[in-house]
PDB file of N, CA and C in Angstrom:
ATOM      1  N   MET A   1      -8.301  -0.899 -74.960  1.00  0.00           N
ATOM      2  CA  MET A   1      -8.526  -1.400 -76.299  1.00  0.00           C
ATOM      3  C   MET A   1      -8.134  -2.857 -76.350  1.00  0.00           C
ATOM      4  N   LEU A   2      -9.001  -3.718 -76.806  1.00  0.00           N
ATOM      5  CA  LEU A   2      -8.719  -5.138 -76.872  1.00  0.00           C
ATOM      6  C   LEU A   2      -7.826  -5.450 -78.057  1.00  0.00           C
ATOM      7  N   SER A   3      -6.936  -6.434 -77.888  1.00  0.00           N
ATOM      8  CA  SER A   3      -6.107  -6.910 -78.978  1.00  0.00           C
ATOM      9  C   SER A   3      -6.953  -7.761 -79.907  1.00  0.00           C
ATOM     10  N   ASP A   4      -6.444  -8.022 -81.103  1.00  0.00           N
ATOM     11  CA  ASP A   4      -7.119  -8.930 -82.021  1.00  0.00           C
ATOM     12  C   ASP A   4      -7.086 -10.317 -81.413  1.00  0.00           C
ATOM     13  N   ARG A   5      -8.235 -10.854 -81.043  1.00  0.00           N
ATOM     14  CA  ARG A   5      -8.289 -12.120 -80.334  1.00  0.00           C
ATOM     15  C   ARG A   5      -7.875 -13.292 -81.192  1.00  0.00           C
ATOM     16  N   HIS A   6      -7.727 -13.104 -82.500  1.00  0.00           N
ATOM     17  CA  HIS A   6      -7.290 -14.190 -83.371  1.00  0.00           C
ATOM     18  C   HIS A   6      -5.766 -14.320 -83.386  1.00  0.00           C
ATOM     19  N   LEU A   7      -5.072 -13.328 -82.860  1.00  0.00           N
ATOM     20  CA  LEU A   7      -3.618 -13.392 -82.775  1.00  0.00           C
ATOM     21  C   LEU A   7      -3.225 -14.168 -81.534  1.00  0.00           C
ATOM     22  N   GLU A   8      -2.776 -15.398 -81.717  1.00  0.00           N
ATOM     23  CA  GLU A   8      -2.341 -16.268 -80.638  1.00  0.00           C
ATOM     24  C   GLU A   8      -3.416 -16.487 -79.592  1.00  0.00           C
ATOM     25  N   GLY A   9      -4.688 -16.277 -79.901  1.00  0.00           N
ATOM     26  CA  GLY A   9      -5.776 -16.562 -78.980  1.00  0.00           C
ATOM     27  C   GLY A   9      -5.880 -15.613 -77.806  1.00  0.00           C
ATOM     28  N   ARG A  10      -5.203 -14.481 -77.848  1.00  0.00           N
ATOM     29  CA  ARG A  10      -5.203 -13.565 -76.710  1.00  0.00           C
ATOM     30  C   ARG A  10      -6.310 -12.535 -76.826  1.00  0.00           C
ATOM     31  N   TYR A  11      -6.961 -12.283 -75.714  1.00  0.00           N
ATOM     32  CA  TYR A  11      -8.011 -11.280 -75.647  1.00  0.00           C
ATOM     33  C   TYR A  11      -7.512 -10.000 -75.002  1.00  0.00           C
ATOM     34  N   GLU A  12      -6.372 -10.070 -74.321  1.00  0.00           N
ATOM     35  CA  GLU A  12      -5.853  -8.913 -73.591  1.00  0.00           C
ATOM     36  C   GLU A  12      -4.393  -8.689 -73.954  1.00  0.00           C
ATOM     37  N   LYS A  13      -3.963  -7.447 -73.783  1.00  0.00           N
ATOM     38  CA  LYS A  13      -2.552  -7.135 -73.961  1.00  0.00           C
ATOM     39  C   LYS A  13      -1.754  -7.813 -72.849  1.00  0.00           C
ATOM     40  N   ARG A  14      -0.545  -8.183 -73.166  1.00  0.00           N
ATOM     41  CA  ARG A  14       0.367  -8.747 -72.169  1.00  0.00           C
ATOM     42  C   ARG A  14       1.511  -7.767 -71.949  1.00  0.00           C
ATOM     43  N   LEU A  15       1.959  -7.694 -70.713  1.00  0.00           N
ATOM     44  CA  LEU A  15       3.120  -6.872 -70.381  1.00  0.00           C
ATOM     45  C   LEU A  15       4.304  -7.786 -70.089  1.00  0.00           C
ATOM     46  N   PRO A  16       5.489  -7.434 -70.578  1.00  0.00           N
ATOM     47  CA  PRO A  16       6.675  -8.258 -70.318  1.00  0.00           C
ATOM     48  C   PRO A  16       7.185  -8.054 -68.891  1.00  0.00           C
ATOM     49  N   VAL A  17       6.532  -8.708 -67.945  1.00  0.00           N
ATOM     50  CA  VAL A  17       6.872  -8.581 -66.527  1.00  0.00           C
ATOM     51  C   VAL A  17       7.388  -9.921 -66.024  1.00  0.00           C
ATOM     52  N   MET A  18       8.581  -9.908 -65.430  1.00  0.00           N
ATOM     53  CA  MET A  18       9.144 -11.131 -64.876  1.00  0.00           C
ATOM     54  C   MET A  18       8.826 -11.187 -63.381  1.00  0.00           C
ATOM     55  N   VAL A  19       8.085 -12.230 -62.997  1.00  0.00           N
ATOM     56  CA  VAL A  19       7.729 -12.451 -61.606  1.00  0.00           C
ATOM     57  C   VAL A  19       8.150 -13.873 -61.248  1.00  0.00           C
ATOM     58  N   VAL A  20       8.838 -14.035 -60.149  1.00  0.00           N
ATOM     59  CA  VAL A  20       9.218 -15.374 -59.691  1.00  0.00           C
ATOM     60  C   VAL A  20       7.973 -16.049 -59.123  1.00  0.00           C
ATOM     61  N   VAL A  21       7.694 -17.251 -59.616  1.00  0.00           N
ATOM     62  CA  VAL A  21       6.518 -17.992 -59.182  1.00  0.00           C
ATOM     63  C   VAL A  21       6.896 -19.451 -58.923  1.00  0.00           C
ATOM     64  N   ARG A  22       6.017 -20.124 -58.212  1.00  0.00           N
ATOM     65  CA  ARG A  22       6.111 -21.580 -58.060  1.00  0.00           C
ATOM     66  C   ARG A  22       4.893 -22.171 -58.742  1.00  0.00           C
ATOM     67  N   LEU A  23       5.128 -23.216 -59.509  1.00  0.00           N
ATOM     68  CA  LEU A  23       4.037 -23.950 -60.136  1.00  0.00           C
ATOM     69  C   LEU A  23       3.877 -25.265 -59.399  1.00  0.00           C
ATOM     70  N   ALA A  24       2.658 -25.635 -59.112  1.00  0.00           N
ATOM     71  CA  ALA A  24       2.393 -26.919 -58.461  1.00  0.00           C
ATOM     72  C   ALA A  24       1.372 -27.681 -59.293  1.00  0.00           C
ATOM     73  N   ASP A  25       1.728 -28.881 -59.654  1.00  0.00           N
ATOM     74  CA  ASP A  25       0.845 -29.763 -60.401  1.00  0.00           C
ATOM     75  C   ASP A  25      -0.304 -30.156 -59.485  1.00  0.00           C
ATOM     76  N   THR A  26      -1.524 -29.896 -59.883  1.00  0.00           N
ATOM     77  CA  THR A  26      -2.668 -30.205 -59.023  1.00  0.00           C
ATOM     78  C   THR A  26      -2.868 -31.713 -58.862  1.00  0.00           C
ATOM     79  N   ASP A  27      -2.227 -32.515 -59.713  1.00  0.00           N
ATOM     80  CA  ASP A  27      -2.290 -33.972 -59.574  1.00  0.00           C
ATOM     81  C   ASP A  27      -1.337 -34.484 -58.500  1.00  0.00           C
ATOM     82  N   HIS A  28      -0.395 -33.629 -58.069  1.00  0.00           N
ATOM     83  CA  HIS A  28       0.576 -33.990 -57.020  1.00  0.00           C
ATOM     84  C   HIS A  28       0.544 -32.944 -55.923  1.00  0.00           C
ATOM     85  N   PRO A  29      -0.503 -32.901 -55.096  1.00  0.00           N
ATOM     86  CA  PRO A  29      -0.659 -31.835 -54.094  1.00  0.00           C
ATOM     87  C   PRO A  29       0.373 -31.865 -52.969  1.00  0.00           C
ATOM     88  N   ASN A  30       1.162 -32.922 -52.839  1.00  0.00           N
ATOM     89  CA  ASN A  30       2.146 -33.022 -51.752  1.00  0.00           C
ATOM     90  C   ASN A  30       3.426 -32.268 -52.044  1.00  0.00           C
ATOM     91  N   GLY A  31       3.490 -31.559 -53.184  1.00  0.00           N
ATOM     92  CA  GLY A  31       4.698 -30.811 -53.496  1.00  0.00           C
ATOM     93  C   GLY A  31       5.639 -31.550 -54.411  1.00  0.00           C
ATOM     94  N   ASN A  32       5.333 -32.790 -54.778  1.00  0.00           N
ATOM     95  CA  ASN A  32       6.212 -33.560 -55.654  1.00  0.00           C
ATOM     96  C   ASN A  32       6.295 -32.957 -57.052  1.00  0.00           C
ATOM     97  N   GLY A  33       5.251 -32.282 -57.487  1.00  0.00           N
ATOM     98  CA  GLY A  33       5.224 -31.701 -58.818  1.00  0.00           C
ATOM     99  C   GLY A  33       5.445 -30.207 -58.803  1.00  0.00           C
ATOM    100  N   GLU A  34       6.213 -29.694 -57.833  1.00  0.00           N
ATOM    101  CA  GLU A  34       6.399 -28.252 -57.681  1.00  0.00           C
ATOM    102  C   GLU A  34       7.671 -27.791 -58.379  1.00  0.00           C
ATOM    103  N   GLU A  35       7.604 -26.599 -58.969  1.00  0.00           N
ATOM    104  CA  GLU A  35       8.743 -26.046 -59.704  1.00  0.00           C
ATOM    105  C   GLU A  35       8.822 -24.540 -59.463  1.00  0.00           C
ATOM    106  N   LYS A  36      10.014 -24.034 -59.168  1.00  0.00           N
ATOM    107  CA  LYS A  36      10.237 -22.594 -59.024  1.00  0.00           C
ATOM    108  C   LYS A  36      10.683 -22.071 -60.388  1.00  0.00           C
ATOM    109  N   THR A  37      10.012 -21.020 -60.872  1.00  0.00           N
ATOM    110  CA  THR A  37      10.293 -20.517 -62.205  1.00  0.00           C
ATOM    111  C   THR A  37       9.922 -19.034 -62.293  1.00  0.00           C
ATOM    112  N   TYR A  38       9.626 -18.526 -63.484  1.00  0.00           N
ATOM    113  CA  TYR A  38       9.321 -17.110 -63.657  1.00  0.00           C
ATOM    114  C   TYR A  38       8.337 -16.904 -64.809  1.00  0.00           C
ATOM    115  N   THR A  39       7.665 -15.761 -64.780  1.00  0.00           N
ATOM    116  CA  THR A  39       6.782 -15.396 -65.877  1.00  0.00           C
ATOM    117  C   THR A  39       7.599 -14.710 -66.967  1.00  0.00           C
ATOM    118  N   ASP A  40       7.138 -14.837 -68.195  1.00  0.00           N
ATOM    119  CA  ASP A  40       7.729 -14.123 -69.325  1.00  0.00           C
ATOM    120  C   ASP A  40       6.906 -12.866 -69.605  1.00  0.00           C
ATOM    121  N   ASN A  41       5.579 -13.017 -69.491  1.00  0.00           N
ATOM    122  CA  ASN A  41       4.688 -11.879 -69.626  1.00  0.00           C
ATOM    123  C   ASN A  41       3.400 -12.191 -68.885  1.00  0.00           C
ATOM    124  N   VAL A  42       2.655 -11.136 -68.565  1.00  0.00           N
ATOM    125  CA  VAL A  42       1.440 -11.300 -67.764  1.00  0.00           C
ATOM    126  C   VAL A  42       0.332 -10.400 -68.294  1.00  0.00           C
ATOM    127  N   SER A  43      -0.894 -10.758 -67.949  1.00  0.00           N
ATOM    128  CA  SER A  43      -2.067  -9.937 -68.228  1.00  0.00           C
ATOM    129  C   SER A  43      -3.010 -10.109 -67.041  1.00  0.00           C
ATOM    130  N   PRO A  44      -4.110  -9.409 -67.025  1.00  0.00           N
ATOM    131  CA  PRO A  44      -5.031  -9.530 -65.883  1.00  0.00           C
ATOM    132  C   PRO A  44      -5.617 -10.928 -65.711  1.00  0.00           C
ATOM    133  N   HIS A  45      -5.723 -11.693 -66.788  1.00  0.00           N
ATOM    134  CA  HIS A  45      -6.350 -13.014 -66.706  1.00  0.00           C
ATOM    135  C   HIS A  45      -5.479 -14.122 -67.277  1.00  0.00           C
ATOM    136  N   GLY A  46      -4.160 -13.879 -67.417  1.00  0.00           N
ATOM    137  CA  GLY A  46      -3.290 -14.906 -67.972  1.00  0.00           C
ATOM    138  C   GLY A  46      -1.824 -14.591 -67.773  1.00  0.00           C
ATOM    139  N   ALA A  47      -0.991 -15.552 -68.169  1.00  0.00           N
ATOM    140  CA  ALA A  47       0.452 -15.378 -68.079  1.00  0.00           C
ATOM    141  C   ALA A  47       1.138 -16.400 -68.970  1.00  0.00           C
ATOM    142  N   CYS A  48       2.338 -16.073 -69.387  1.00  0.00           N
ATOM    143  CA  CYS A  48       3.212 -17.018 -70.062  1.00  0.00           C
ATOM    144  C   CYS A  48       4.329 -17.314 -69.059  1.00  0.00           C
ATOM    145  N   VAL A  49       4.517 -18.589 -68.746  1.00  0.00           N
ATOM    146  CA  VAL A  49       5.453 -18.995 -67.694  1.00  0.00           C
ATOM    147  C   VAL A  49       6.446 -20.001 -68.244  1.00  0.00           C
ATOM    148  N   ALA A  50       7.708 -19.886 -67.859  1.00  0.00           N
ATOM    149  CA  ALA A  50       8.736 -20.848 -68.244  1.00  0.00           C
ATOM    150  C   ALA A  50       8.584 -22.109 -67.399  1.00  0.00           C
ATOM    151  N   SER A  51       8.890 -23.248 -67.996  1.00  0.00           N
ATOM    152  CA  SER A  51       8.812 -24.507 -67.259  1.00  0.00           C
ATOM    153  C   SER A  51       9.858 -25.489 -67.786  1.00  0.00           C
ATOM    154  N   LYS A  52      10.311 -26.356 -66.901  1.00  0.00           N
ATOM    155  CA  LYS A  52      11.281 -27.385 -67.274  1.00  0.00           C
ATOM    156  C   LYS A  52      10.614 -28.626 -67.840  1.00  0.00           C
ATOM    157  N   ARG A  53       9.290 -28.666 -67.780  1.00  0.00           N
ATOM    158  CA  ARG A  53       8.599 -29.861 -68.270  1.00  0.00           C
ATOM    159  C   ARG A  53       7.431 -29.482 -69.160  1.00  0.00           C
ATOM    160  N   PRO A  54       7.037 -30.371 -70.032  1.00  0.00           N
ATOM    161  CA  PRO A  54       5.868 -30.083 -70.867  1.00  0.00           C
ATOM    162  C   PRO A  54       4.580 -30.236 -70.071  1.00  0.00           C
ATOM    163  N   TRP A  55       3.612 -29.417 -70.389  1.00  0.00           N
ATOM    164  CA  TRP A  55       2.288 -29.477 -69.780  1.00  0.00           C
ATOM    165  C   TRP A  55       1.287 -29.703 -70.904  1.00  0.00           C
ATOM    166  N   ARG A  56       0.214 -30.389 -70.597  1.00  0.00           N
ATOM    167  CA  ARG A  56      -0.840 -30.633 -71.583  1.00  0.00           C
ATOM    168  C   ARG A  56      -1.895 -29.534 -71.503  1.00  0.00           C
ATOM    169  N   PRO A  57      -2.315 -29.007 -72.650  1.00  0.00           N
ATOM    170  CA  PRO A  57      -3.440 -28.064 -72.627  1.00  0.00           C
ATOM    171  C   PRO A  57      -4.641 -28.707 -71.940  1.00  0.00           C
ATOM    172  N   GLY A  58      -5.286 -27.924 -71.088  1.00  0.00           N
ATOM    173  CA  GLY A  58      -6.424 -28.426 -70.326  1.00  0.00           C
ATOM    174  C   GLY A  58      -6.062 -28.827 -68.909  1.00  0.00           C
ATOM    175  N   GLU A  59      -4.755 -29.049 -68.627  1.00  0.00           N
ATOM    176  CA  GLU A  59      -4.316 -29.360 -67.261  1.00  0.00           C
ATOM    177  C   GLU A  59      -4.488 -28.124 -66.389  1.00  0.00           C
ATOM    178  N   TYR A  60      -4.611 -28.344 -65.093  1.00  0.00           N
ATOM    179  CA  TYR A  60      -4.684 -27.239 -64.136  1.00  0.00           C
ATOM    180  C   TYR A  60      -3.413 -27.205 -63.299  1.00  0.00           C
ATOM    181  N   VAL A  61      -3.015 -26.004 -62.929  1.00  0.00           N
ATOM    182  CA  VAL A  61      -1.801 -25.790 -62.156  1.00  0.00           C
ATOM    183  C   VAL A  61      -2.078 -24.713 -61.109  1.00  0.00           C
ATOM    184  N   GLU A  62      -1.486 -24.879 -59.941  1.00  0.00           N
ATOM    185  CA  GLU A  62      -1.549 -23.840 -58.908  1.00  0.00           C
ATOM    186  C   GLU A  62      -0.336 -22.935 -59.086  1.00  0.00           C
ATOM    187  N   VAL A  63      -0.559 -21.627 -59.064  1.00  0.00           N
ATOM    188  CA  VAL A  63       0.503 -20.644 -59.236  1.00  0.00           C
ATOM    189  C   VAL A  63       0.623 -19.860 -57.937  1.00  0.00           C
ATOM    190  N   PHE A  64       1.855 -19.795 -57.423  1.00  0.00           N
ATOM    191  CA  PHE A  64       2.129 -19.086 -56.173  1.00  0.00           C
ATOM    192  C   PHE A  64       3.192 -18.023 -56.424  1.00  0.00           C
ATOM    193  N   SER A  65       2.980 -16.826 -55.913  1.00  0.00           N
ATOM    194  CA  SER A  65       3.982 -15.770 -55.957  1.00  0.00           C
ATOM    195  C   SER A  65       4.006 -15.103 -54.595  1.00  0.00           C
ATOM    196  N   SER A  66       5.082 -15.286 -53.858  1.00  0.00           N
ATOM    197  CA  SER A  66       5.157 -14.683 -52.528  1.00  0.00           C
ATOM    198  C   SER A  66       5.298 -13.169 -52.622  1.00  0.00           C
ATOM    199  N   ALA A  67       5.955 -12.672 -53.669  1.00  0.00           N
ATOM    200  CA  ALA A  67       6.121 -11.220 -53.823  1.00  0.00           C
ATOM    201  C   ALA A  67       4.782 -10.526 -54.039  1.00  0.00           C
ATOM    202  N   ASP A  68       3.848 -11.213 -54.698  1.00  0.00           N
ATOM    203  CA  ASP A  68       2.555 -10.614 -55.001  1.00  0.00           C
ATOM    204  C   ASP A  68       1.446 -11.145 -54.101  1.00  0.00           C
ATOM    205  N   ALA A  69       1.785 -11.977 -53.153  1.00  0.00           N
ATOM    206  CA  ALA A  69       0.794 -12.620 -52.285  1.00  0.00           C
ATOM    207  C   ALA A  69      -0.303 -13.266 -53.135  1.00  0.00           C
ATOM    208  N   LEU A  70       0.136 -13.949 -54.177  1.00  0.00           N
ATOM    209  CA  LEU A  70      -0.772 -14.547 -55.147  1.00  0.00           C
ATOM    210  C   LEU A  70      -0.798 -16.060 -55.008  1.00  0.00           C
ATOM    211  N   THR A  71      -1.974 -16.602 -54.924  1.00  0.00           N
ATOM    212  CA  THR A  71      -2.202 -18.036 -55.051  1.00  0.00           C
ATOM    213  C   THR A  71      -3.418 -18.171 -55.944  1.00  0.00           C
ATOM    214  N   ALA A  72      -3.234 -18.778 -57.115  1.00  0.00           N
ATOM    215  CA  ALA A  72      -4.341 -18.873 -58.060  1.00  0.00           C
ATOM    216  C   ALA A  72      -4.258 -20.178 -58.836  1.00  0.00           C
ATOM    217  N   ARG A  73      -5.411 -20.668 -59.216  1.00  0.00           N
ATOM    218  CA  ARG A  73      -5.484 -21.863 -60.048  1.00  0.00           C
ATOM    219  C   ARG A  73      -5.588 -21.401 -61.498  1.00  0.00           C
ATOM    220  N   ALA A  74      -4.791 -22.018 -62.375  1.00  0.00           N
ATOM    221  CA  ALA A  74      -4.773 -21.641 -63.781  1.00  0.00           C
ATOM    222  C   ALA A  74      -4.955 -22.867 -64.662  1.00  0.00           C
ATOM    223  N   LYS A  75      -5.461 -22.622 -65.839  1.00  0.00           N
ATOM    224  CA  LYS A  75      -5.620 -23.678 -66.829  1.00  0.00           C
ATOM    225  C   LYS A  75      -4.551 -23.494 -67.897  1.00  0.00           C
ATOM    226  N   VAL A  76      -3.886 -24.593 -68.272  1.00  0.00           N
ATOM    227  CA  VAL A  76      -2.878 -24.543 -69.326  1.00  0.00           C
ATOM    228  C   VAL A  76      -3.592 -24.418 -70.668  1.00  0.00           C
ATOM    229  N   VAL A  77      -3.244 -23.365 -71.414  1.00  0.00           N
ATOM    230  CA  VAL A  77      -3.858 -23.120 -72.714  1.00  0.00           C
ATOM    231  C   VAL A  77      -2.969 -23.658 -73.834  1.00  0.00           C
ATOM    232  N   TYR A  78      -1.670 -23.472 -73.679  1.00  0.00           N
ATOM    233  CA  TYR A  78      -0.729 -24.005 -74.668  1.00  0.00           C
ATOM    234  C   TYR A  78       0.587 -24.336 -73.998  1.00  0.00           C
ATOM    235  N   CYS A  79       1.390 -25.141 -74.668  1.00  0.00           N
ATOM    236  CA  CYS A  79       2.741 -25.466 -74.220  1.00  0.00           C
ATOM    237  C   CYS A  79       3.628 -25.448 -75.459  1.00  0.00           C
ATOM    238  N   ARG A  80       4.597 -24.539 -75.475  1.00  0.00           N
ATOM    239  CA  ARG A  80       5.483 -24.371 -76.619  1.00  0.00           C
ATOM    240  C   ARG A  80       6.912 -24.743 -76.206  1.00  0.00           C
ATOM    241  N   GLN A  81       7.492 -25.724 -76.870  1.00  0.00           N
ATOM    242  CA  GLN A  81       8.866 -26.134 -76.571  1.00  0.00           C
ATOM    243  C   GLN A  81       9.826 -25.114 -77.161  1.00  0.00           C
ATOM    244  N   VAL A  82      10.750 -24.623 -76.312  1.00  0.00           N
ATOM    245  CA  VAL A  82      11.717 -23.617 -76.732  1.00  0.00           C
ATOM    246  C   VAL A  82      13.075 -24.263 -76.967  1.00  0.00           C
ATOM    247  N   LYS A  83      13.476 -25.147 -76.059  1.00  0.00           N
ATOM    248  CA  LYS A  83      14.695 -25.944 -76.178  1.00  0.00           C
ATOM    249  C   LYS A  83      14.311 -27.374 -75.842  1.00  0.00           C
ATOM    250  N   SER A  84      15.275 -28.264 -75.885  1.00  0.00           N
ATOM    251  CA  SER A  84      14.951 -29.673 -75.633  1.00  0.00           C
ATOM    252  C   SER A  84      14.399 -29.910 -74.233  1.00  0.00           C
ATOM    253  N   ASP A  85      14.768 -29.070 -73.281  1.00  0.00           N
ATOM    254  CA  ASP A  85      14.300 -29.251 -71.910  1.00  0.00           C
ATOM    255  C   ASP A  85      13.718 -27.965 -71.319  1.00  0.00           C
ATOM    256  N   PHE A  86      13.107 -27.146 -72.169  1.00  0.00           N
ATOM    257  CA  PHE A  86      12.602 -25.849 -71.732  1.00  0.00           C
ATOM    258  C   PHE A  86      11.338 -25.517 -72.514  1.00  0.00           C
ATOM    259  N   TYR A  87      10.294 -25.064 -71.795  1.00  0.00           N
ATOM    260  CA  TYR A  87       8.993 -24.802 -72.397  1.00  0.00           C
ATOM    261  C   TYR A  87       8.436 -23.472 -71.909  1.00  0.00           C
ATOM    262  N   PHE A  88       7.608 -22.866 -72.727  1.00  0.00           N
ATOM    263  CA  PHE A  88       6.778 -21.752 -72.294  1.00  0.00           C
ATOM    264  C   PHE A  88       5.352 -22.258 -72.292  1.00  0.00           C
ATOM    265  N   ILE A  89       4.666 -22.048 -71.156  1.00  0.00           N
ATOM    266  CA  ILE A  89       3.274 -22.472 -71.071  1.00  0.00           C
ATOM    267  C   ILE A  89       2.384 -21.242 -70.914  1.00  0.00           C
ATOM    268  N   GLY A  90       1.300 -21.248 -71.647  1.00  0.00           N
ATOM    269  CA  GLY A  90       0.316 -20.179 -71.548  1.00  0.00           C
ATOM    270  C   GLY A  90      -0.727 -20.567 -70.522  1.00  0.00           C
ATOM    271  N   LEU A  91      -0.959 -19.701 -69.565  1.00  0.00           N
ATOM    272  CA  LEU A  91      -1.922 -19.967 -68.503  1.00  0.00           C
ATOM    273  C   LEU A  91      -3.077 -18.988 -68.559  1.00  0.00           C
ATOM    274  N   SER A  92      -4.246 -19.496 -68.283  1.00  0.00           N
ATOM    275  CA  SER A  92      -5.450 -18.676 -68.203  1.00  0.00           C
ATOM    276  C   SER A  92      -6.011 -18.811 -66.799  1.00  0.00           C
ATOM    277  N   PHE A  93      -6.294 -17.678 -66.180  1.00  0.00           N
ATOM    278  CA  PHE A  93      -6.887 -17.669 -64.852  1.00  0.00           C
ATOM    279  C   PHE A  93      -8.390 -17.477 -65.016  1.00  0.00           C
ATOM    280  N   PRO A  94      -9.180 -18.524 -64.816  1.00  0.00           N
ATOM    281  CA  PRO A  94     -10.609 -18.439 -65.100  1.00  0.00           C
ATOM    282  C   PRO A  94     -11.425 -17.611 -64.109  1.00  0.00           C
ATOM    283  N   GLU A  95     -10.805 -17.132 -63.053  1.00  0.00           N
ATOM    284  CA  GLU A  95     -11.525 -16.307 -62.086  1.00  0.00           C
ATOM    285  C   GLU A  95     -11.969 -15.012 -62.746  1.00  0.00           C
ATOM    286  N   GLN A  96     -13.049 -14.446 -62.273  1.00  0.00           N
ATOM    287  CA  GLN A  96     -13.578 -13.213 -62.848  1.00  0.00           C
ATOM    288  C   GLN A  96     -12.766 -11.984 -62.452  1.00  0.00           C
ATOM    289  N   ARG A  97     -12.189 -12.000 -61.272  1.00  0.00           N
ATOM    290  CA  ARG A  97     -11.440 -10.816 -60.821  1.00  0.00           C
ATOM    291  C   ARG A  97     -10.054 -10.800 -61.482  1.00  0.00           C
ATOM    292  N   PRO A  98      -9.544  -9.628 -61.809  1.00  0.00           N
ATOM    293  CA  PRO A  98      -8.223  -9.530 -62.423  1.00  0.00           C
ATOM    294  C   PRO A  98      -7.118  -9.933 -61.440  1.00  0.00           C
ATOM    295  N   ILE A  99      -6.077 -10.535 -61.962  1.00  0.00           N
ATOM    296  CA  ILE A  99      -4.910 -10.893 -61.158  1.00  0.00           C
ATOM    297  C   ILE A  99      -4.040  -9.653 -61.012  1.00  0.00           C
ATOM    298  N   ARG A 100      -3.545  -9.427 -59.819  1.00  0.00           N
ATOM    299  CA  ARG A 100      -2.639  -8.306 -59.562  1.00  0.00           C
ATOM    300  C   ARG A 100      -1.210  -8.838 -59.556  1.00  0.00           C
ATOM    301  N   TRP A 101      -0.391  -8.355 -60.467  1.00  0.00           N
ATOM    302  CA  TRP A 101       1.004  -8.766 -60.593  1.00  0.00           C
ATOM    303  C   TRP A 101       1.903  -7.622 -60.148  1.00  0.00           C
ATOM    304  N   SER A 102       2.843  -7.901 -59.271  1.00  0.00           N
ATOM    305  CA  SER A 102       3.799  -6.908 -58.767  1.00  0.00           C
ATOM    306  C   SER A 102       3.072  -5.636 -58.368  1.00  0.00           C
ATOM    307  N   ASN A 103       3.534  -4.508 -58.865  1.00  0.00           N
ATOM    308  CA  ASN A 103       2.904  -3.243 -58.510  1.00  0.00           C
ATOM    309  C   ASN A 103       1.854  -2.817 -59.528  1.00  0.00           C
ATOM    310  N   PHE A 104       1.514  -3.724 -60.444  1.00  0.00           N
ATOM    311  CA  PHE A 104       0.547  -3.396 -61.487  1.00  0.00           C
ATOM    312  C   PHE A 104      -0.835  -3.852 -61.080  1.00  0.00           C
ATOM    313  N   THR A 105      -1.826  -3.022 -61.269  1.00  0.00           N
ATOM    314  CA  THR A 105      -3.228  -3.392 -61.097  1.00  0.00           C
ATOM    315  C   THR A 105      -3.858  -3.265 -62.468  1.00  0.00           C
ATOM    316  N   PHE A 106      -4.359  -4.370 -62.988  1.00  0.00           N
ATOM    317  CA  PHE A 106      -4.860  -4.386 -64.349  1.00  0.00           C
ATOM    318  C   PHE A 106      -6.360  -4.151 -64.443  1.00  0.00           C
ATOM    319  N   ALA A 107      -7.009  -3.730 -63.393  1.00  0.00           N
ATOM    320  CA  ALA A 107      -8.473  -3.611 -63.410  1.00  0.00           C
ATOM    321  C   ALA A 107      -8.958  -2.786 -64.597  1.00  0.00           C
ATOM    322  N   GLY A 108      -8.255  -1.725 -64.961  1.00  0.00           N
ATOM    323  CA  GLY A 108      -8.693  -0.911 -66.079  1.00  0.00           C
ATOM    324  C   GLY A 108      -7.850  -1.104 -67.319  1.00  0.00           C
ATOM    325  N   PHE A 109      -6.943  -2.035 -67.317  1.00  0.00           N
ATOM    326  CA  PHE A 109      -6.015  -2.255 -68.412  1.00  0.00           C
ATOM    327  C   PHE A 109      -6.521  -3.337 -69.342  1.00  0.00           C
ATOM    328  N   THR A 110      -6.959  -3.008 -70.527  1.00  0.00           N
ATOM    329  CA  THR A 110      -7.364  -3.989 -71.545  1.00  0.00           C
ATOM    330  C   THR A 110      -7.012  -3.477 -72.910  1.00  0.00           C
TER     331      THR A 110
END
C-alpha cells in the first residue's frame, strides 16, 4: 500500500533502519568529501541519512555500505538542519531496481 505522496514527498513507506554508510561528494572523487555516517530510515528507493554538513537539493552523492555490499548514486531531495552542525538529508536512488538494505529485501514492500 502506497503512503500519501503529499506527506513529506514520500511515495514509499520508510523503515527505521540504522545502517553505517559512507557518503562521498561526487564533486570530490578523490575522497576529500567523504564522510562516515548512518541512515535514520530507509526505503527501496530512498533513505534519510545524517550528515555533518549541509547538502543542496539536486546534488548527487555516492553512498557506500560495506555491510550491505552497496554502492549507489543518490540525489539529494532535501536537507533539514537538526542542530547547528548536524543535518538530515533525504536521498533518492533513481535506479529502477530496489535497494537492498541489511537483511531486508524491499522488492515487494510498498
